[in-house]
Protein backbone atom coordinates (compact mmCIF):
# COMPACT_ATOMS: atom_id res chain seq x y z
CA MET A 1 -46.02 -95.10 -60.08
CA PHE A 2 -46.15 -94.58 -56.33
CA ALA A 3 -47.59 -91.60 -54.50
CA ALA A 4 -45.32 -88.58 -54.21
CA ARG A 5 -43.76 -88.02 -50.82
CA CYS A 6 -44.32 -84.80 -48.95
CA GLU A 7 -41.50 -82.26 -48.68
CA ASP A 8 -43.37 -79.63 -46.65
CA ALA A 9 -41.52 -79.18 -43.34
CA ALA A 10 -44.68 -77.73 -41.77
CA LEU A 11 -46.53 -81.02 -42.38
CA LEU A 12 -43.63 -83.41 -41.80
CA ASP A 13 -43.06 -81.92 -38.32
CA LEU A 14 -46.69 -82.30 -37.21
CA TRP A 15 -48.21 -85.16 -35.24
CA HIS A 16 -50.64 -87.07 -37.50
CA PRO A 17 -53.23 -89.75 -36.63
CA VAL A 18 -52.61 -93.09 -38.34
CA ALA A 19 -54.93 -95.61 -36.65
CA ALA A 20 -57.53 -96.11 -33.95
CA ILE A 21 -55.98 -97.82 -30.93
CA PRO A 22 -58.57 -100.70 -30.85
CA ASP A 23 -57.88 -101.46 -34.52
CA VAL A 24 -54.21 -101.97 -33.68
CA ARG A 25 -54.71 -103.80 -30.39
CA GLU A 26 -57.53 -106.13 -31.41
CA ARG A 27 -57.10 -106.69 -35.14
CA GLY A 28 -53.36 -106.85 -35.60
CA PRO A 29 -50.92 -104.70 -37.57
CA VAL A 30 -52.41 -101.86 -39.60
CA SER A 31 -50.83 -101.05 -42.98
CA THR A 32 -51.40 -97.48 -44.05
CA GLN A 33 -49.86 -94.40 -45.64
CA LEU A 34 -48.92 -90.99 -44.33
CA LEU A 35 -47.90 -88.14 -46.64
CA GLY A 36 -47.10 -90.63 -49.39
CA GLN A 37 -44.99 -92.89 -47.16
CA MET A 38 -45.85 -96.49 -46.27
CA LEU A 39 -46.26 -97.41 -42.58
CA VAL A 40 -47.13 -100.43 -40.47
CA VAL A 41 -48.61 -99.81 -37.01
CA SER A 42 -48.40 -102.77 -34.62
CA GLY A 43 -48.69 -103.70 -30.96
CA GLN A 44 -50.92 -106.34 -29.43
CA GLU A 45 -52.54 -105.94 -26.03
CA GLY A 46 -49.84 -105.56 -23.39
CA GLU A 47 -47.20 -104.45 -25.90
CA GLU A 48 -46.00 -100.98 -26.74
CA ILE A 49 -47.35 -99.73 -30.04
CA SER A 50 -44.64 -99.28 -32.67
CA ILE A 51 -44.67 -97.70 -36.11
CA LYS A 52 -42.32 -98.69 -38.93
CA GLU A 53 -41.74 -96.58 -42.01
CA PHE A 54 -40.84 -98.69 -45.05
CA MET A 55 -38.50 -97.17 -47.60
CA ALA A 56 -39.48 -99.69 -50.30
CA PRO A 57 -42.61 -100.56 -52.34
CA MET A 58 -45.34 -102.31 -50.37
CA VAL A 59 -48.46 -103.92 -51.81
CA HIS A 60 -51.27 -105.38 -49.68
CA GLY A 61 -49.10 -105.16 -46.57
CA GLN A 62 -46.15 -107.02 -48.12
CA VAL A 63 -42.81 -105.21 -48.37
CA PHE A 64 -40.76 -106.15 -51.42
CA ASN A 65 -36.94 -106.34 -51.38
CA GLN A 66 -37.06 -105.72 -47.64
CA GLY A 67 -36.20 -102.05 -47.95
CA ARG A 68 -34.91 -99.98 -45.08
CA GLU A 69 -37.17 -99.80 -42.03
CA VAL A 70 -37.28 -96.68 -39.87
CA SER A 71 -38.93 -96.53 -36.44
CA LEU A 72 -41.11 -93.48 -35.97
CA PRO A 73 -42.21 -91.64 -32.82
CA VAL A 74 -45.48 -92.81 -31.28
CA ARG A 75 -48.09 -90.97 -29.28
CA GLU A 76 -51.44 -92.29 -28.04
CA ALA A 77 -54.10 -89.60 -27.62
CA PHE A 78 -57.91 -89.34 -27.78
CA GLY A 79 -58.24 -93.03 -28.73
CA PHE A 80 -55.84 -92.86 -31.68
CA VAL A 81 -52.20 -93.56 -32.52
CA TRP A 82 -50.25 -90.52 -33.76
CA THR A 83 -46.84 -90.26 -35.41
CA SER A 84 -44.63 -87.84 -37.30
CA LEU A 85 -42.24 -88.10 -40.25
CA GLY A 86 -40.18 -85.15 -39.01
CA ALA A 87 -39.37 -83.44 -35.72
CA PRO A 88 -42.75 -83.09 -33.94
CA PRO A 89 -43.39 -80.74 -31.01
CA GLU A 90 -43.25 -82.17 -27.51
CA ARG A 91 -46.99 -81.71 -27.04
CA LEU A 92 -50.09 -82.40 -29.08
CA PHE A 93 -53.04 -80.02 -28.78
CA ASP A 94 -55.38 -80.78 -25.87
CA ILE A 95 -59.14 -81.38 -25.69
CA PRO A 96 -60.07 -80.62 -22.06
CA GLU A 97 -63.52 -82.24 -22.40
CA PHE A 98 -61.84 -85.59 -23.13
CA HIS A 99 -60.69 -85.71 -19.50
CA GLU A 100 -64.15 -85.10 -17.97
CA THR A 101 -65.38 -88.25 -16.25
CA ASP A 102 -69.09 -87.93 -17.14
CA ARG A 103 -68.51 -88.07 -20.88
CA TRP A 104 -68.56 -90.86 -23.46
CA SER A 105 -65.30 -90.25 -25.32
CA GLU A 106 -64.22 -92.59 -28.07
CA ASN A 107 -63.22 -92.95 -31.69
CA SER A 108 -66.33 -93.54 -33.77
CA GLY A 109 -64.88 -94.91 -36.97
CA SER A 110 -62.13 -94.31 -39.53
CA PHE A 111 -63.29 -93.61 -43.09
CA ARG A 112 -61.08 -93.50 -46.17
CA VAL A 113 -62.03 -91.01 -48.84
CA HIS A 114 -60.64 -90.29 -52.32
CA THR A 115 -59.91 -86.59 -51.90
CA SER A 116 -57.31 -84.42 -50.22
CA ALA A 117 -57.09 -83.85 -46.48
CA GLY A 118 -57.80 -80.15 -47.02
CA ARG A 119 -61.03 -80.84 -48.88
CA THR A 120 -62.10 -83.19 -46.07
CA VAL A 121 -61.44 -80.52 -43.44
CA GLU A 122 -63.32 -77.85 -45.39
CA ASN A 123 -66.38 -80.06 -45.74
CA PHE A 124 -66.45 -80.52 -41.97
CA LEU A 125 -66.36 -76.72 -41.51
CA ASP A 126 -69.20 -76.06 -43.97
CA LEU A 127 -72.51 -75.23 -42.25
CA ALA A 128 -74.27 -74.44 -45.52
CA HIS A 129 -74.35 -78.04 -46.76
CA PHE A 130 -76.33 -79.40 -43.77
CA PRO A 131 -79.90 -79.05 -45.17
CA PHE A 132 -78.90 -80.38 -48.58
CA VAL A 133 -76.48 -83.25 -47.85
CA HIS A 134 -77.73 -84.19 -44.36
CA GLU A 135 -81.43 -83.39 -44.73
CA GLY A 136 -83.49 -84.93 -41.97
CA TYR A 137 -80.46 -85.20 -39.69
CA LEU A 138 -78.21 -82.13 -39.38
CA GLY A 139 -80.40 -79.82 -41.46
CA GLU A 140 -83.77 -79.42 -43.09
CA GLN A 141 -85.25 -77.31 -45.85
CA PRO A 142 -86.40 -74.53 -45.86
CA TYR A 143 -84.04 -73.75 -42.94
CA THR A 144 -81.04 -73.04 -45.19
CA GLU A 145 -79.83 -69.64 -43.99
CA VAL A 146 -76.34 -69.46 -42.49
CA LYS A 147 -76.45 -66.60 -40.02
CA ASP A 148 -73.44 -64.36 -39.62
CA TYR A 149 -70.70 -65.58 -37.29
CA SER A 150 -67.20 -64.55 -36.21
CA VAL A 151 -63.83 -66.06 -37.18
CA THR A 152 -60.60 -65.38 -35.28
CA PHE A 153 -57.04 -66.69 -35.47
CA ASP A 154 -55.69 -66.98 -31.94
CA ASP A 155 -52.64 -68.80 -30.58
CA ARG A 156 -52.11 -70.66 -33.88
CA GLU A 157 -55.70 -71.93 -33.89
CA ILE A 158 -58.74 -70.88 -35.91
CA TRP A 159 -61.99 -70.32 -34.00
CA ALA A 160 -65.44 -69.75 -35.52
CA THR A 161 -67.95 -68.61 -32.91
CA GLY A 162 -71.59 -67.58 -32.88
CA CYS A 163 -72.64 -70.26 -35.37
CA GLU A 164 -76.13 -71.72 -35.15
CA PHE A 165 -78.34 -73.91 -37.31
CA TYR A 166 -81.69 -75.65 -37.00
CA GLN A 167 -81.29 -79.43 -36.86
CA PRO A 168 -84.09 -82.04 -36.78
CA ILE A 169 -81.79 -84.72 -35.28
CA ALA A 170 -78.73 -83.04 -33.81
CA ALA A 171 -77.47 -86.22 -32.10
CA VAL A 172 -78.48 -89.79 -31.29
CA SER A 173 -79.85 -88.64 -27.92
CA ALA A 174 -82.03 -85.90 -29.47
CA THR A 175 -85.83 -86.36 -29.26
CA ASP A 176 -86.88 -83.14 -31.05
CA GLY A 177 -85.48 -80.64 -33.51
CA GLN A 178 -83.48 -77.79 -32.05
CA VAL A 179 -81.50 -74.71 -32.98
CA THR A 180 -77.99 -75.95 -32.36
CA LYS A 181 -75.23 -73.55 -31.36
CA TYR A 182 -71.80 -74.30 -32.76
CA THR A 183 -68.22 -73.30 -32.14
CA TYR A 184 -65.59 -74.56 -34.56
CA ARG A 185 -61.96 -74.97 -33.59
CA LEU A 186 -59.08 -75.81 -35.92
CA ALA A 187 -56.42 -76.95 -33.47
CA HIS A 188 -54.20 -78.45 -36.20
CA PRO A 189 -54.25 -77.97 -39.99
CA PHE A 190 -56.00 -81.33 -40.41
CA CYS A 191 -57.85 -81.65 -37.10
CA PRO A 192 -61.10 -79.64 -36.92
CA LEU A 193 -63.31 -79.86 -33.84
CA LEU A 194 -66.80 -78.58 -33.24
CA TYR A 195 -68.52 -77.83 -29.95
CA LYS A 196 -72.31 -78.08 -30.21
CA THR A 197 -75.28 -77.77 -27.86
CA SER A 198 -75.83 -81.06 -26.04
CA PRO A 199 -79.40 -82.42 -26.05
CA VAL A 200 -78.63 -83.89 -22.61
CA ASP A 201 -77.46 -80.64 -20.97
CA PRO A 202 -78.09 -77.38 -22.91
CA LYS A 203 -75.55 -75.56 -20.73
CA ARG A 204 -72.70 -77.77 -21.93
CA PHE A 205 -71.36 -78.87 -25.28
CA ASP A 206 -70.74 -82.14 -27.05
CA VAL A 207 -67.42 -82.28 -28.91
CA ILE A 208 -67.12 -83.86 -32.34
CA GLY A 209 -63.96 -83.93 -34.40
CA ILE A 210 -62.29 -85.49 -37.38
CA PHE A 211 -58.58 -86.13 -37.23
CA VAL A 212 -57.70 -86.29 -40.91
CA GLN A 213 -54.74 -88.42 -41.99
CA PRO A 214 -53.28 -87.19 -45.31
CA MET A 215 -52.42 -90.55 -46.87
CA THR A 216 -51.43 -89.06 -50.22
CA GLU A 217 -52.13 -85.75 -51.92
CA VAL A 218 -55.57 -86.94 -53.04
CA ARG A 219 -56.48 -89.64 -50.53
CA ALA A 220 -57.26 -89.21 -46.85
CA CYS A 221 -58.58 -91.09 -43.85
CA ALA A 222 -61.01 -89.28 -41.55
CA HIS A 223 -60.70 -90.61 -38.00
CA GLN A 224 -63.83 -89.54 -36.12
CA PHE A 225 -63.66 -88.48 -32.48
CA LEU A 226 -66.57 -87.98 -30.09
CA SER A 227 -66.84 -86.67 -26.54
CA LEU A 228 -70.52 -86.73 -25.68
CA LEU A 229 -72.71 -86.08 -22.64
CA ASP A 230 -74.72 -89.15 -23.57
CA GLU A 231 -76.33 -91.15 -20.77
CA THR A 232 -77.02 -94.21 -22.92
CA ASN A 233 -73.38 -94.96 -23.81
CA ASP A 234 -74.72 -97.07 -26.67
CA ASP A 235 -71.53 -97.58 -28.65
CA ALA A 236 -73.11 -99.33 -31.65
CA THR A 237 -75.95 -96.82 -32.08
CA ILE A 238 -73.67 -93.79 -31.86
CA LYS A 239 -71.18 -95.26 -34.33
CA ARG A 240 -74.00 -96.18 -36.72
CA PHE A 241 -75.26 -92.59 -36.63
CA GLN A 242 -71.79 -91.21 -37.37
CA ALA A 243 -71.33 -93.70 -40.22
CA ILE A 244 -74.61 -92.52 -41.79
CA ILE A 245 -73.49 -88.89 -41.64
CA PHE A 246 -70.08 -89.59 -43.18
CA GLY A 247 -71.66 -91.87 -45.77
CA GLN A 248 -73.69 -88.86 -46.95
CA ASP A 249 -70.54 -86.72 -47.18
CA LYS A 250 -68.34 -89.27 -48.95
CA PRO A 251 -69.81 -89.11 -52.49
CA ILE A 252 -69.89 -85.31 -52.35
CA LEU A 253 -66.24 -85.19 -51.33
CA GLU A 254 -65.12 -87.71 -53.92
CA ASN A 255 -66.88 -85.89 -56.75
CA GLN A 256 -65.34 -82.49 -56.00
CA VAL A 257 -62.98 -81.24 -58.69
CA PRO A 258 -60.12 -80.62 -58.24
CA LYS A 259 -59.34 -83.11 -55.49
CA ARG A 260 -56.46 -81.03 -54.20
CA LEU A 261 -57.58 -77.92 -52.29
CA PRO A 262 -57.16 -74.68 -54.30
CA LEU A 263 -55.53 -71.87 -52.31
CA GLY A 264 -55.47 -69.25 -55.06
CA SER A 265 -57.68 -66.23 -54.45
CA ARG A 266 -59.64 -66.68 -57.68
CA ALA A 267 -59.81 -70.48 -57.75
CA GLU A 268 -63.31 -70.79 -56.24
CA THR A 269 -65.85 -68.07 -55.48
CA PRO A 270 -66.45 -67.70 -51.71
CA ILE A 271 -69.68 -66.54 -50.07
CA THR A 272 -70.31 -65.08 -46.61
CA ALA A 273 -70.89 -68.56 -45.15
CA ASP A 274 -67.34 -69.53 -46.19
CA LYS A 275 -65.52 -67.23 -43.75
CA THR A 276 -63.96 -70.15 -41.87
CA SER A 277 -62.78 -71.78 -45.10
CA ILE A 278 -61.24 -68.51 -46.28
CA GLN A 279 -59.23 -68.22 -43.05
CA TYR A 280 -58.27 -71.91 -43.30
CA ARG A 281 -56.88 -71.47 -46.82
CA ARG A 282 -54.94 -68.40 -45.69
CA TRP A 283 -53.45 -70.42 -42.85
CA LEU A 284 -52.29 -73.21 -45.18
CA THR A 285 -50.79 -70.58 -47.48
CA GLU A 286 -48.92 -68.91 -44.60
CA LEU A 287 -47.58 -72.30 -43.48
CA GLY A 288 -46.12 -72.79 -46.96
CA ILE A 289 -48.11 -75.95 -47.63
CA SER A 290 -47.79 -77.32 -51.16
CA TYR A 291 -48.72 -80.99 -50.58
CA GLY A 292 -52.34 -81.79 -51.44
CA VAL A 293 -53.15 -78.23 -52.48
CA ILE A 294 -53.07 -76.02 -55.58
CA ARG A 295 -51.17 -72.95 -54.44
CA ASP A 296 -52.00 -70.44 -57.20
CA ASN A 297 -54.43 -69.81 -60.00
CA THR A 298 -52.02 -70.96 -62.72
CA GLN A 299 -51.53 -74.51 -61.43
CA ARG A 300 -53.50 -77.41 -62.82
CA ASP A 301 -54.61 -80.39 -60.79
CA SER A 302 -52.88 -83.69 -61.40
CA GLU A 303 -53.14 -87.12 -59.86
CA PRO A 304 -50.61 -89.98 -59.91
CA CYS A 305 -51.49 -92.81 -62.31
CA SER A 306 -51.39 -95.38 -59.54
CA GLU A 307 -51.34 -95.18 -55.77
CA ILE A 308 -51.21 -97.60 -52.91
CA PHE A 309 -54.47 -97.30 -50.97
């Protein structure tokens, strides 16, 4: 049995990340999935990147029976390749900091995880888990309190402002613990960004994001994006730090039940710290999303017997 395809127009018409540009340019074609559909992303250095959608079973990159191939739209942005299975808007959201010349802006790894895209986004938005899952890095006991903050929905984006948390190692460039100020921005249903106090310049913010690729209803790929005011520009060290942080999140994410994100009002009990997640679930509900979620309290979670991954 192959993964179910998505029929949600709201998701089909979005731009979605499918690969980091260096992975395509330097390592050859990338076989992947998007919303249950099989894709191959290709384009060596000097060539235009192309994306083919295969309308036939594919295992380990091999297409059987040579099913129909469909060329998909391609966009390169923020170090990643983006595509759409529907009719995407002319523009993708912008990250103004990405264009500032004194920043280190780059993808910092793509991590596959056995859970839904919505669960992956919610974990990124969750301040409360820092001292428990990322102790010694992004949080530390007994500093567990999540202070009150504000959540707004403006111009089809969710913003959480006034967030702050004590962090012993807020970034690779940090030398001491600090109270880090946060602003969260959901610029796309599966693309959360956070703006946090920079250890290099307290008057400006580092930008960290995950562009989540919904491969199937219960499998996702988190493409990490960084735009840092980091004077060292040590690519390997920064990527190692980000890999450690995601490695701490991965087992938590994969052990959450159900894997699809519940949207029903009584599915999971929220607390004050969950204000951003509550607004996020409302947004997905208003968009009419059914793929990768459980829409009401009467639905049960189910997972295909076999999926390409």
